[in-house]
Amino acid sequence: MDRDRVMTLAWMAAIGVGGLLPPLGPSGFQPGGTLYHLVGFSVLTVLLSRTLPWARAAAVAWLYGVLLEGVQAFFPYRGAEVADLAVNLVAVVLGLVAVAVRRAWQAAS
């Protein structure tokens, strides 16, 4: 398996584990929030775009977020939230922008 696929699978695993961890400490602190989603899914989109066409990379990244939100619904300390899906979609778009900028820069070089 090539390096790009290994990195993508490792990143997906990190997002998955982070998305299913219970809150930390007695106050229920949950690290990440919106920033976790923005960074996680924009980077995932960039990584997926290395091995997939941009539209498929975007679809896979967002559908992975949908899957994780669905799984979170079965954990008593987590919950599926539509707002998280919206943030994931924004993150996917940001990832696509980063891919487009990178490709334009490479083409100009």
PDB file of N, CA and C in Angstrom:
ATOM      1  N   MET A   1       0.858  -1.172   0.000  1.00  0.00           N
ATOM      2  CA  MET A   1       0.000   0.000   0.000  1.00  0.00           C
ATOM      3  C   MET A   1       0.905   1.236   0.000  1.00  0.00           C
ATOM      4  N   ASP A   2       0.548   2.202  -0.828  1.00  0.00           N
ATOM      5  CA  ASP A   2       1.409   3.377  -0.934  1.00  0.00           C
ATOM      6  C   ASP A   2       1.217   4.333   0.253  1.00  0.00           C
ATOM      7  N   ARG A   3       2.152   5.242   0.368  1.00  0.00           N
ATOM      8  CA  ARG A   3       2.213   6.158   1.509  1.00  0.00           C
ATOM      9  C   ARG A   3       0.958   7.028   1.635  1.00  0.00           C
ATOM     10  N   ASP A   4       0.442   7.539   0.513  1.00  0.00           N
ATOM     11  CA  ASP A   4      -0.745   8.403   0.571  1.00  0.00           C
ATOM     12  C   ASP A   4      -1.952   7.660   1.141  1.00  0.00           C
ATOM     13  N   ARG A   5      -2.125   6.424   0.759  1.00  0.00           N
ATOM     14  CA  ARG A   5      -3.266   5.655   1.279  1.00  0.00           C
ATOM     15  C   ARG A   5      -3.107   5.330   2.754  1.00  0.00           C
ATOM     16  N   VAL A   6      -1.889   5.019   3.155  1.00  0.00           N
ATOM     17  CA  VAL A   6      -1.637   4.741   4.572  1.00  0.00           C
ATOM     18  C   VAL A   6      -1.915   5.993   5.403  1.00  0.00           C
ATOM     19  N   MET A   7      -1.442   7.142   4.931  1.00  0.00           N
ATOM     20  CA  MET A   7      -1.687   8.394   5.660  1.00  0.00           C
ATOM     21  C   MET A   7      -3.181   8.702   5.735  1.00  0.00           C
ATOM     22  N   THR A   8      -3.894   8.467   4.641  1.00  0.00           N
ATOM     23  CA  THR A   8      -5.330   8.728   4.618  1.00  0.00           C
ATOM     24  C   THR A   8      -6.056   7.814   5.596  1.00  0.00           C
ATOM     25  N   LEU A   9      -5.737   6.539   5.589  1.00  0.00           N
ATOM     26  CA  LEU A   9      -6.386   5.603   6.511  1.00  0.00           C
ATOM     27  C   LEU A   9      -6.050   5.925   7.962  1.00  0.00           C
ATOM     28  N   ALA A  10      -4.812   6.324   8.219  1.00  0.00           N
ATOM     29  CA  ALA A  10      -4.428   6.699   9.583  1.00  0.00           C
ATOM     30  C   ALA A  10      -5.203   7.938  10.026  1.00  0.00           C
ATOM     31  N   TRP A  11      -5.360   8.911   9.128  1.00  0.00           N
ATOM     32  CA  TRP A  11      -6.110  10.124   9.468  1.00  0.00           C
ATOM     33  C   TRP A  11      -7.580   9.798   9.718  1.00  0.00           C
ATOM     34  N   MET A  12      -8.141   8.915   8.897  1.00  0.00           N
ATOM     35  CA  MET A  12      -9.534   8.507   9.104  1.00  0.00           C
ATOM     36  C   MET A  12      -9.690   7.814  10.460  1.00  0.00           C
ATOM     37  N   ALA A  13      -8.721   6.980  10.808  1.00  0.00           N
ATOM     38  CA  ALA A  13      -8.781   6.299  12.105  1.00  0.00           C
ATOM     39  C   ALA A  13      -8.699   7.305  13.246  1.00  0.00           C
ATOM     40  N   ALA A  14      -7.835   8.305  13.106  1.00  0.00           N
ATOM     41  CA  ALA A  14      -7.702   9.324  14.151  1.00  0.00           C
ATOM     42  C   ALA A  14      -8.999  10.107  14.317  1.00  0.00           C
ATOM     43  N   ILE A  15      -9.632  10.468  13.203  1.00  0.00           N
ATOM     44  CA  ILE A  15     -10.914  11.175  13.284  1.00  0.00           C
ATOM     45  C   ILE A  15     -11.960  10.284  13.938  1.00  0.00           C
ATOM     46  N   GLY A  16     -11.987   9.026  13.534  1.00  0.00           N
ATOM     47  CA  GLY A  16     -12.969   8.092  14.087  1.00  0.00           C
ATOM     48  C   GLY A  16     -12.811   7.877  15.576  1.00  0.00           C
ATOM     49  N   VAL A  17     -11.585   7.644  16.009  1.00  0.00           N
ATOM     50  CA  VAL A  17     -11.335   7.437  17.435  1.00  0.00           C
ATOM     51  C   VAL A  17     -11.655   8.717  18.210  1.00  0.00           C
ATOM     52  N   GLY A  18     -11.172   9.854  17.708  1.00  0.00           N
ATOM     53  CA  GLY A  18     -11.457  11.120  18.381  1.00  0.00           C
ATOM     54  C   GLY A  18     -12.937  11.424  18.463  1.00  0.00           C
ATOM     55  N   GLY A  19     -13.677  11.016  17.440  1.00  0.00           N
ATOM     56  CA  GLY A  19     -15.104  11.274  17.414  1.00  0.00           C
ATOM     57  C   GLY A  19     -15.920  10.356  18.301  1.00  0.00           C
ATOM     58  N   LEU A  20     -15.293   9.293  18.789  1.00  0.00           N
ATOM     59  CA  LEU A  20     -16.033   8.344  19.621  1.00  0.00           C
ATOM     60  C   LEU A  20     -15.553   8.289  21.064  1.00  0.00           C
ATOM     61  N   LEU A  21     -14.500   9.041  21.385  1.00  0.00           N
ATOM     62  CA  LEU A  21     -14.017   9.064  22.765  1.00  0.00           C
ATOM     63  C   LEU A  21     -15.048   9.698  23.692  1.00  0.00           C
ATOM     64  N   PRO A  22     -15.103   9.207  24.918  1.00  0.00           N
ATOM     65  CA  PRO A  22     -16.012   9.852  25.879  1.00  0.00           C
ATOM     66  C   PRO A  22     -15.459  11.200  26.327  1.00  0.00           C
ATOM     67  N   PRO A  23     -16.314  12.054  26.873  1.00  0.00           N
ATOM     68  CA  PRO A  23     -15.839  13.330  27.420  1.00  0.00           C
ATOM     69  C   PRO A  23     -14.788  13.084  28.500  1.00  0.00           C
ATOM     70  N   LEU A  24     -13.885  14.032  28.659  1.00  0.00           N
ATOM     71  CA  LEU A  24     -12.798  13.891  29.612  1.00  0.00           C
ATOM     72  C   LEU A  24     -13.125  14.576  30.930  1.00  0.00           C
ATOM     73  N   GLY A  25     -12.783  13.946  32.031  1.00  0.00           N
ATOM     74  CA  GLY A  25     -12.911  14.559  33.347  1.00  0.00           C
ATOM     75  C   GLY A  25     -14.334  14.646  33.846  1.00  0.00           C
ATOM     76  N   PRO A  26     -14.483  15.046  35.100  1.00  0.00           N
ATOM     77  CA  PRO A  26     -15.816  15.107  35.717  1.00  0.00           C
ATOM     78  C   PRO A  26     -16.708  16.191  35.128  1.00  0.00           C
ATOM     79  N   SER A  27     -16.102  17.215  34.522  1.00  0.00           N
ATOM     80  CA  SER A  27     -16.924  18.284  33.957  1.00  0.00           C
ATOM     81  C   SER A  27     -17.434  17.948  32.565  1.00  0.00           C
ATOM     82  N   GLY A  28     -16.966  16.827  32.001  1.00  0.00           N
ATOM     83  CA  GLY A  28     -17.416  16.418  30.678  1.00  0.00           C
ATOM     84  C   GLY A  28     -16.773  17.191  29.555  1.00  0.00           C
ATOM     85  N   PHE A  29     -15.569  17.733  29.788  1.00  0.00           N
ATOM     86  CA  PHE A  29     -14.874  18.487  28.746  1.00  0.00           C
ATOM     87  C   PHE A  29     -14.651  17.618  27.525  1.00  0.00           C
ATOM     88  N   GLN A  30     -15.038  18.111  26.375  1.00  0.00           N
ATOM     89  CA  GLN A  30     -14.820  17.409  25.108  1.00  0.00           C
ATOM     90  C   GLN A  30     -13.897  18.260  24.256  1.00  0.00           C
ATOM     91  N   PRO A  31     -12.651  17.797  24.029  1.00  0.00           N
ATOM     92  CA  PRO A  31     -11.725  18.605  23.234  1.00  0.00           C
ATOM     93  C   PRO A  31     -12.174  18.702  21.786  1.00  0.00           C
ATOM     94  N   GLY A  32     -11.805  19.788  21.152  1.00  0.00           N
ATOM     95  CA  GLY A  32     -12.039  19.891  19.718  1.00  0.00           C
ATOM     96  C   GLY A  32     -13.193  20.773  19.335  1.00  0.00           C
ATOM     97  N   GLY A  33     -14.352  20.175  19.220  1.00  0.00           N
ATOM     98  CA  GLY A  33     -15.512  20.912  18.770  1.00  0.00           C
ATOM     99  C   GLY A  33     -15.403  21.284  17.301  1.00  0.00           C
ATOM    100  N   THR A  34     -15.785  22.499  16.981  1.00  0.00           N
ATOM    101  CA  THR A  34     -15.809  22.972  15.599  1.00  0.00           C
ATOM    102  C   THR A  34     -14.419  22.920  14.963  1.00  0.00           C
ATOM    103  N   LEU A  35     -13.401  23.299  15.696  1.00  0.00           N
ATOM    104  CA  LEU A  35     -12.041  23.267  15.155  1.00  0.00           C
ATOM    105  C   LEU A  35     -11.621  21.844  14.793  1.00  0.00           C
ATOM    106  N   TYR A  36     -11.991  20.890  15.635  1.00  0.00           N
ATOM    107  CA  TYR A  36     -11.712  19.476  15.368  1.00  0.00           C
ATOM    108  C   TYR A  36     -12.314  19.062  14.026  1.00  0.00           C
ATOM    109  N   HIS A  37     -13.559  19.442  13.793  1.00  0.00           N
ATOM    110  CA  HIS A  37     -14.233  19.097  12.538  1.00  0.00           C
ATOM    111  C   HIS A  37     -13.583  19.799  11.350  1.00  0.00           C
ATOM    112  N   LEU A  38     -13.312  21.093  11.496  1.00  0.00           N
ATOM    113  CA  LEU A  38     -12.726  21.857  10.386  1.00  0.00           C
ATOM    114  C   LEU A  38     -11.370  21.305   9.966  1.00  0.00           C
ATOM    115  N   VAL A  39     -10.504  21.082  10.924  1.00  0.00           N
ATOM    116  CA  VAL A  39      -9.173  20.564  10.597  1.00  0.00           C
ATOM    117  C   VAL A  39      -9.268  19.117  10.115  1.00  0.00           C
ATOM    118  N   GLY A  40      -9.995  18.316  10.851  1.00  0.00           N
ATOM    119  CA  GLY A  40     -10.080  16.892  10.517  1.00  0.00           C
ATOM    120  C   GLY A  40     -10.581  16.619   9.118  1.00  0.00           C
ATOM    121  N   PHE A  41     -11.686  17.237   8.756  1.00  0.00           N
ATOM    122  CA  PHE A  41     -12.297  16.915   7.471  1.00  0.00           C
ATOM    123  C   PHE A  41     -11.694  17.689   6.303  1.00  0.00           C
ATOM    124  N   SER A  42     -11.097  18.839   6.552  1.00  0.00           N
ATOM    125  CA  SER A  42     -10.398  19.509   5.447  1.00  0.00           C
ATOM    126  C   SER A  42      -9.118  18.757   5.110  1.00  0.00           C
ATOM    127  N   VAL A  43      -8.380  18.331   6.120  1.00  0.00           N
ATOM    128  CA  VAL A  43      -7.166  17.536   5.857  1.00  0.00           C
ATOM    129  C   VAL A  43      -7.536  16.205   5.218  1.00  0.00           C
ATOM    130  N   LEU A  44      -8.602  15.572   5.687  1.00  0.00           N
ATOM    131  CA  LEU A  44      -9.039  14.314   5.078  1.00  0.00           C
ATOM    132  C   LEU A  44      -9.352  14.506   3.598  1.00  0.00           C
ATOM    133  N   THR A  45     -10.006  15.584   3.248  1.00  0.00           N
ATOM    134  CA  THR A  45     -10.326  15.857   1.845  1.00  0.00           C
ATOM    135  C   THR A  45      -9.056  16.022   1.018  1.00  0.00           C
ATOM    136  N   VAL A  46      -8.085  16.740   1.556  1.00  0.00           N
ATOM    137  CA  VAL A  46      -6.808  16.917   0.849  1.00  0.00           C
ATOM    138  C   VAL A  46      -6.125  15.569   0.661  1.00  0.00           C
ATOM    139  N   LEU A  47      -6.079  14.750   1.707  1.00  0.00           N
ATOM    140  CA  LEU A  47      -5.432  13.444   1.603  1.00  0.00           C
ATOM    141  C   LEU A  47      -6.147  12.541   0.601  1.00  0.00           C
ATOM    142  N   LEU A  48      -7.468  12.535   0.645  1.00  0.00           N
ATOM    143  CA  LEU A  48      -8.225  11.710  -0.296  1.00  0.00           C
ATOM    144  C   LEU A  48      -8.023  12.164  -1.736  1.00  0.00           C
ATOM    145  N   SER A  49      -7.838  13.463  -1.927  1.00  0.00           N
ATOM    146  CA  SER A  49      -7.673  13.990  -3.283  1.00  0.00           C
ATOM    147  C   SER A  49      -6.352  13.562  -3.914  1.00  0.00           C
ATOM    148  N   ARG A  50      -5.452  13.039  -3.129  1.00  0.00           N
ATOM    149  CA  ARG A  50      -4.183  12.542  -3.673  1.00  0.00           C
ATOM    150  C   ARG A  50      -4.371  11.221  -4.422  1.00  0.00           C
ATOM    151  N   THR A  51      -5.436  10.482  -4.081  1.00  0.00           N
ATOM    152  CA  THR A  51      -5.664   9.183  -4.715  1.00  0.00           C
ATOM    153  C   THR A  51      -7.001   9.070  -5.434  1.00  0.00           C
ATOM    154  N   LEU A  52      -7.859  10.080  -5.253  1.00  0.00           N
ATOM    155  CA  LEU A  52      -9.190  10.054  -5.878  1.00  0.00           C
ATOM    156  C   LEU A  52      -9.422  11.363  -6.615  1.00  0.00           C
ATOM    157  N   PRO A  53     -10.321  11.352  -7.617  1.00  0.00           N
ATOM    158  CA  PRO A  53     -10.726  12.626  -8.227  1.00  0.00           C
ATOM    159  C   PRO A  53     -11.360  13.526  -7.159  1.00  0.00           C
ATOM    160  N   TRP A  54     -11.275  14.853  -7.361  1.00  0.00           N
ATOM    161  CA  TRP A  54     -11.703  15.794  -6.326  1.00  0.00           C
ATOM    162  C   TRP A  54     -13.141  15.590  -5.876  1.00  0.00           C
ATOM    163  N   ALA A  55     -14.058  15.329  -6.808  1.00  0.00           N
ATOM    164  CA  ALA A  55     -15.474  15.167  -6.432  1.00  0.00           C
ATOM    165  C   ALA A  55     -15.676  13.912  -5.585  1.00  0.00           C
ATOM    166  N   ARG A  56     -15.005  12.850  -5.944  1.00  0.00           N
ATOM    167  CA  ARG A  56     -15.123  11.611  -5.167  1.00  0.00           C
ATOM    168  C   ARG A  56     -14.462  11.781  -3.798  1.00  0.00           C
ATOM    169  N   ALA A  57     -13.333  12.475  -3.753  1.00  0.00           N
ATOM    170  CA  ALA A  57     -12.660  12.739  -2.472  1.00  0.00           C
ATOM    171  C   ALA A  57     -13.595  13.512  -1.540  1.00  0.00           C
ATOM    172  N   ALA A  58     -14.253  14.528  -2.073  1.00  0.00           N
ATOM    173  CA  ALA A  58     -15.185  15.328  -1.272  1.00  0.00           C
ATOM    174  C   ALA A  58     -16.353  14.478  -0.779  1.00  0.00           C
ATOM    175  N   ALA A  59     -16.892  13.654  -1.657  1.00  0.00           N
ATOM    176  CA  ALA A  59     -18.029  12.805  -1.280  1.00  0.00           C
ATOM    177  C   ALA A  59     -17.635  11.802  -0.200  1.00  0.00           C
ATOM    178  N   VAL A  60     -16.482  11.172  -0.366  1.00  0.00           N
ATOM    179  CA  VAL A  60     -16.034  10.187   0.618  1.00  0.00           C
ATOM    180  C   VAL A  60     -15.797  10.859   1.971  1.00  0.00           C
ATOM    181  N   ALA A  61     -15.152  12.013   1.974  1.00  0.00           N
ATOM    182  CA  ALA A  61     -14.877  12.711   3.233  1.00  0.00           C
ATOM    183  C   ALA A  61     -16.176  13.079   3.941  1.00  0.00           C
ATOM    184  N   TRP A  62     -17.126  13.645   3.204  1.00  0.00           N
ATOM    185  CA  TRP A  62     -18.372  14.060   3.851  1.00  0.00           C
ATOM    186  C   TRP A  62     -19.202  12.850   4.295  1.00  0.00           C
ATOM    187  N   LEU A  63     -19.246  11.824   3.474  1.00  0.00           N
ATOM    188  CA  LEU A  63     -20.005  10.628   3.863  1.00  0.00           C
ATOM    189  C   LEU A  63     -19.375   9.926   5.068  1.00  0.00           C
ATOM    190  N   TYR A  64     -18.059  10.012   5.196  1.00  0.00           N
ATOM    191  CA  TYR A  64     -17.404   9.479   6.390  1.00  0.00           C
ATOM    192  C   TYR A  64     -17.884  10.249   7.626  1.00  0.00           C
ATOM    193  N   GLY A  65     -18.035  11.555   7.495  1.00  0.00           N
ATOM    194  CA  GLY A  65     -18.576  12.351   8.590  1.00  0.00           C
ATOM    195  C   GLY A  65     -20.006  11.968   8.923  1.00  0.00           C
ATOM    196  N   VAL A  66     -20.816  11.713   7.892  1.00  0.00           N
ATOM    197  CA  VAL A  66     -22.200  11.264   8.107  1.00  0.00           C
ATOM    198  C   VAL A  66     -22.203   9.936   8.856  1.00  0.00           C
ATOM    199  N   LEU A  67     -21.340   9.024   8.434  1.00  0.00           N
ATOM    200  CA  LEU A  67     -21.238   7.718   9.092  1.00  0.00           C
ATOM    201  C   LEU A  67     -20.858   7.884  10.562  1.00  0.00           C
ATOM    202  N   LEU A  68     -19.865   8.708  10.841  1.00  0.00           N
ATOM    203  CA  LEU A  68     -19.439   8.897  12.230  1.00  0.00           C
ATOM    204  C   LEU A  68     -20.533   9.529  13.079  1.00  0.00           C
ATOM    205  N   GLU A  69     -21.242  10.494  12.523  1.00  0.00           N
ATOM    206  CA  GLU A  69     -22.351  11.098  13.282  1.00  0.00           C
ATOM    207  C   GLU A  69     -23.418  10.042  13.575  1.00  0.00           C
ATOM    208  N   GLY A  70     -23.681   9.180  12.608  1.00  0.00           N
ATOM    209  CA  GLY A  70     -24.650   8.110  12.834  1.00  0.00           C
ATOM    210  C   GLY A  70     -24.207   7.144  13.914  1.00  0.00           C
ATOM    211  N   VAL A  71     -22.940   6.791  13.910  1.00  0.00           N
ATOM    212  CA  VAL A  71     -22.406   5.891  14.938  1.00  0.00           C
ATOM    213  C   VAL A  71     -22.463   6.550  16.312  1.00  0.00           C
ATOM    214  N   GLN A  72     -22.195   7.855  16.367  1.00  0.00           N
ATOM    215  CA  GLN A  72     -22.227   8.568  17.645  1.00  0.00           C
ATOM    216  C   GLN A  72     -23.610   8.516  18.295  1.00  0.00           C
ATOM    217  N   ALA A  73     -24.634   8.365  17.503  1.00  0.00           N
ATOM    218  CA  ALA A  73     -25.994   8.298  18.046  1.00  0.00           C
ATOM    219  C   ALA A  73     -26.191   7.085  18.959  1.00  0.00           C
ATOM    220  N   PHE A  74     -25.347   6.057  18.803  1.00  0.00           N
ATOM    221  CA  PHE A  74     -25.469   4.840  19.608  1.00  0.00           C
ATOM    222  C   PHE A  74     -24.627   4.877  20.886  1.00  0.00           C
ATOM    223  N   PHE A  75     -23.895   5.948  21.098  1.00  0.00           N
ATOM    224  CA  PHE A  75     -23.083   6.070  22.300  1.00  0.00           C
ATOM    225  C   PHE A  75     -23.782   7.011  23.269  1.00  0.00           C
ATOM    226  N   PRO A  76     -23.966   6.582  24.525  1.00  0.00           N
ATOM    227  CA  PRO A  76     -24.731   7.422  25.460  1.00  0.00           C
ATOM    228  C   PRO A  76     -24.058   8.750  25.790  1.00  0.00           C
ATOM    229  N   TYR A  77     -22.768   8.826  25.670  1.00  0.00           N
ATOM    230  CA  TYR A  77     -22.042  10.056  25.990  1.00  0.00           C
ATOM    231  C   TYR A  77     -21.767  10.906  24.764  1.00  0.00           C
ATOM    232  N   ARG A  78     -22.245  10.496  23.611  1.00  0.00           N
ATOM    233  CA  ARG A  78     -22.082  11.258  22.364  1.00  0.00           C
ATOM    234  C   ARG A  78     -23.468  11.505  21.775  1.00  0.00           C
ATOM    235  N   GLY A  79     -23.523  12.278  20.736  1.00  0.00           N
ATOM    236  CA  GLY A  79     -24.789  12.504  20.061  1.00  0.00           C
ATOM    237  C   GLY A  79     -24.554  12.908  18.621  1.00  0.00           C
ATOM    238  N   ALA A  80     -25.444  12.514  17.762  1.00  0.00           N
ATOM    239  CA  ALA A  80     -25.374  12.918  16.356  1.00  0.00           C
ATOM    240  C   ALA A  80     -25.979  14.310  16.239  1.00  0.00           C
ATOM    241  N   GLU A  81     -25.251  15.214  15.600  1.00  0.00           N
ATOM    242  CA  GLU A  81     -25.721  16.595  15.490  1.00  0.00           C
ATOM    243  C   GLU A  81     -25.663  17.058  14.034  1.00  0.00           C
ATOM    244  N   VAL A  82     -26.747  17.663  13.590  1.00  0.00           N
ATOM    245  CA  VAL A  82     -26.812  18.202  12.236  1.00  0.00           C
ATOM    246  C   VAL A  82     -25.793  19.328  12.067  1.00  0.00           C
ATOM    247  N   ALA A  83     -25.560  20.095  13.121  1.00  0.00           N
ATOM    248  CA  ALA A  83     -24.582  21.184  13.048  1.00  0.00           C
ATOM    249  C   ALA A  83     -23.193  20.648  12.725  1.00  0.00           C
ATOM    250  N   ASP A  84     -22.850  19.488  13.271  1.00  0.00           N
ATOM    251  CA  ASP A  84     -21.549  18.887  12.965  1.00  0.00           C
ATOM    252  C   ASP A  84     -21.459  18.499  11.489  1.00  0.00           C
ATOM    253  N   LEU A  85     -22.548  18.017  10.931  1.00  0.00           N
ATOM    254  CA  LEU A  85     -22.553  17.682   9.500  1.00  0.00           C
ATOM    255  C   LEU A  85     -22.334  18.921   8.650  1.00  0.00           C
ATOM    256  N   ALA A  86     -22.924  20.025   9.060  1.00  0.00           N
ATOM    257  CA  ALA A  86     -22.743  21.288   8.330  1.00  0.00           C
ATOM    258  C   ALA A  86     -21.292  21.755   8.417  1.00  0.00           C
ATOM    259  N   VAL A  87     -20.691  21.661   9.597  1.00  0.00           N
ATOM    260  CA  VAL A  87     -19.287  22.052   9.751  1.00  0.00           C
ATOM    261  C   VAL A  87     -18.397  21.132   8.930  1.00  0.00           C
ATOM    262  N   ASN A  88     -18.721  19.840   8.903  1.00  0.00           N
ATOM    263  CA  ASN A  88     -17.953  18.904   8.078  1.00  0.00           C
ATOM    264  C   ASN A  88     -18.019  19.303   6.604  1.00  0.00           C
ATOM    265  N   LEU A  89     -19.179  19.724   6.160  1.00  0.00           N
ATOM    266  CA  LEU A  89     -19.332  20.137   4.764  1.00  0.00           C
ATOM    267  C   LEU A  89     -18.489  21.381   4.471  1.00  0.00           C
ATOM    268  N   VAL A  90     -18.494  22.329   5.377  1.00  0.00           N
ATOM    269  CA  VAL A  90     -17.650  23.521   5.224  1.00  0.00           C
ATOM    270  C   VAL A  90     -16.180  23.101   5.173  1.00  0.00           C
ATOM    271  N   ALA A  91     -15.794  22.168   6.030  1.00  0.00           N
ATOM    272  CA  ALA A  91     -14.409  21.696   6.056  1.00  0.00           C
ATOM    273  C   ALA A  91     -14.028  21.011   4.753  1.00  0.00           C
ATOM    274  N   VAL A  92     -14.933  20.233   4.189  1.00  0.00           N
ATOM    275  CA  VAL A  92     -14.673  19.570   2.907  1.00  0.00           C
ATOM    276  C   VAL A  92     -14.460  20.629   1.819  1.00  0.00           C
ATOM    277  N   VAL A  93     -15.284  21.651   1.810  1.00  0.00           N
ATOM    278  CA  VAL A  93     -15.128  22.728   0.829  1.00  0.00           C
ATOM    279  C   VAL A  93     -13.778  23.426   1.022  1.00  0.00           C
ATOM    280  N   LEU A  94     -13.389  23.684   2.260  1.00  0.00           N
ATOM    281  CA  LEU A  94     -12.079  24.288   2.521  1.00  0.00           C
ATOM    282  C   LEU A  94     -10.952  23.385   2.030  1.00  0.00           C
ATOM    283  N   GLY A  95     -11.109  22.093   2.219  1.00  0.00           N
ATOM    284  CA  GLY A  95     -10.124  21.146   1.703  1.00  0.00           C
ATOM    285  C   GLY A  95     -10.032  21.199   0.189  1.00  0.00           C
ATOM    286  N   LEU A  96     -11.178  21.306  -0.482  1.00  0.00           N
ATOM    287  CA  LEU A  96     -11.184  21.409  -1.946  1.00  0.00           C
ATOM    288  C   LEU A  96     -10.525  22.704  -2.411  1.00  0.00           C
ATOM    289  N   VAL A  97     -10.747  23.780  -1.674  1.00  0.00           N
ATOM    290  CA  VAL A  97     -10.093  25.049  -2.007  1.00  0.00           C
ATOM    291  C   VAL A  97      -8.585  24.887  -1.886  1.00  0.00           C
ATOM    292  N   ALA A  98      -8.134  24.246  -0.823  1.00  0.00           N
ATOM    293  CA  ALA A  98      -6.695  24.014  -0.641  1.00  0.00           C
ATOM    294  C   ALA A  98      -6.122  23.186  -1.778  1.00  0.00           C
ATOM    295  N   VAL A  99      -6.853  22.168  -2.214  1.00  0.00           N
ATOM    296  CA  VAL A  99      -6.403  21.328  -3.331  1.00  0.00           C
ATOM    297  C   VAL A  99      -6.319  22.159  -4.608  1.00  0.00           C
ATOM    298  N   ALA A 100      -7.326  22.983  -4.866  1.00  0.00           N
ATOM    299  CA  ALA A 100      -7.330  23.817  -6.074  1.00  0.00           C
ATOM    300  C   ALA A 100      -6.183  24.816  -6.069  1.00  0.00           C
ATOM    301  N   VAL A 101      -5.930  25.428  -4.922  1.00  0.00           N
ATOM    302  CA  VAL A 101      -4.831  26.378  -4.806  1.00  0.00           C
ATOM    303  C   VAL A 101      -3.501  25.679  -5.042  1.00  0.00           C
ATOM    304  N   ARG A 102      -3.328  24.517  -4.420  1.00  0.00           N
ATOM    305  CA  ARG A 102      -2.086  23.761  -4.604  1.00  0.00           C
ATOM    306  C   ARG A 102      -1.873  23.391  -6.066  1.00  0.00           C
ATOM    307  N   ARG A 103      -2.927  22.926  -6.730  1.00  0.00           N
ATOM    308  CA  ARG A 103      -2.810  22.530  -8.140  1.00  0.00           C
ATOM    309  C   ARG A 103      -2.534  23.736  -9.035  1.00  0.00           C
ATOM    310  N   ALA A 104      -3.165  24.861  -8.762  1.00  0.00           N
ATOM    311  CA  ALA A 104      -2.932  26.070  -9.546  1.00  0.00           C
ATOM    312  C   ALA A 104      -1.496  26.555  -9.367  1.00  0.00           C
ATOM    313  N   TRP A 105      -1.013  26.477  -8.139  1.00  0.00           N
ATOM    314  CA  TRP A 105       0.358  26.902  -7.855  1.00  0.00           C
ATOM    315  C   TRP A 105       1.360  26.003  -8.560  1.00  0.00           C
ATOM    316  N   GLN A 106       1.088  24.674  -8.534  1.00  0.00           N
ATOM    317  CA  GLN A 106       1.980  23.734  -9.219  1.00  0.00           C
ATOM    318  C   GLN A 106       1.961  23.939 -10.725  1.00  0.00           C
ATOM    319  N   ALA A 107       0.796  24.246 -11.273  1.00  0.00           N
ATOM    320  CA  ALA A 107       0.679  24.469 -12.723  1.00  0.00           C
ATOM    321  C   ALA A 107       1.416  25.737 -13.143  1.00  0.00           C
ATOM    322  N   ALA A 108       1.427  26.739 -12.260  1.00  0.00           N
ATOM    323  CA  ALA A 108       2.105  28.002 -12.586  1.00  0.00           C
ATOM    324  C   ALA A 108       3.619  27.903 -12.456  1.00  0.00           C
ATOM    325  N   SER A 109       4.086  26.898 -11.753  1.00  0.00           N
ATOM    326  CA  SER A 109       5.530  26.748 -11.533  1.00  0.00           C
ATOM    327  C   SER A 109       6.230  26.137 -12.717  1.00  0.00           C
TER     328      SER A 109
END
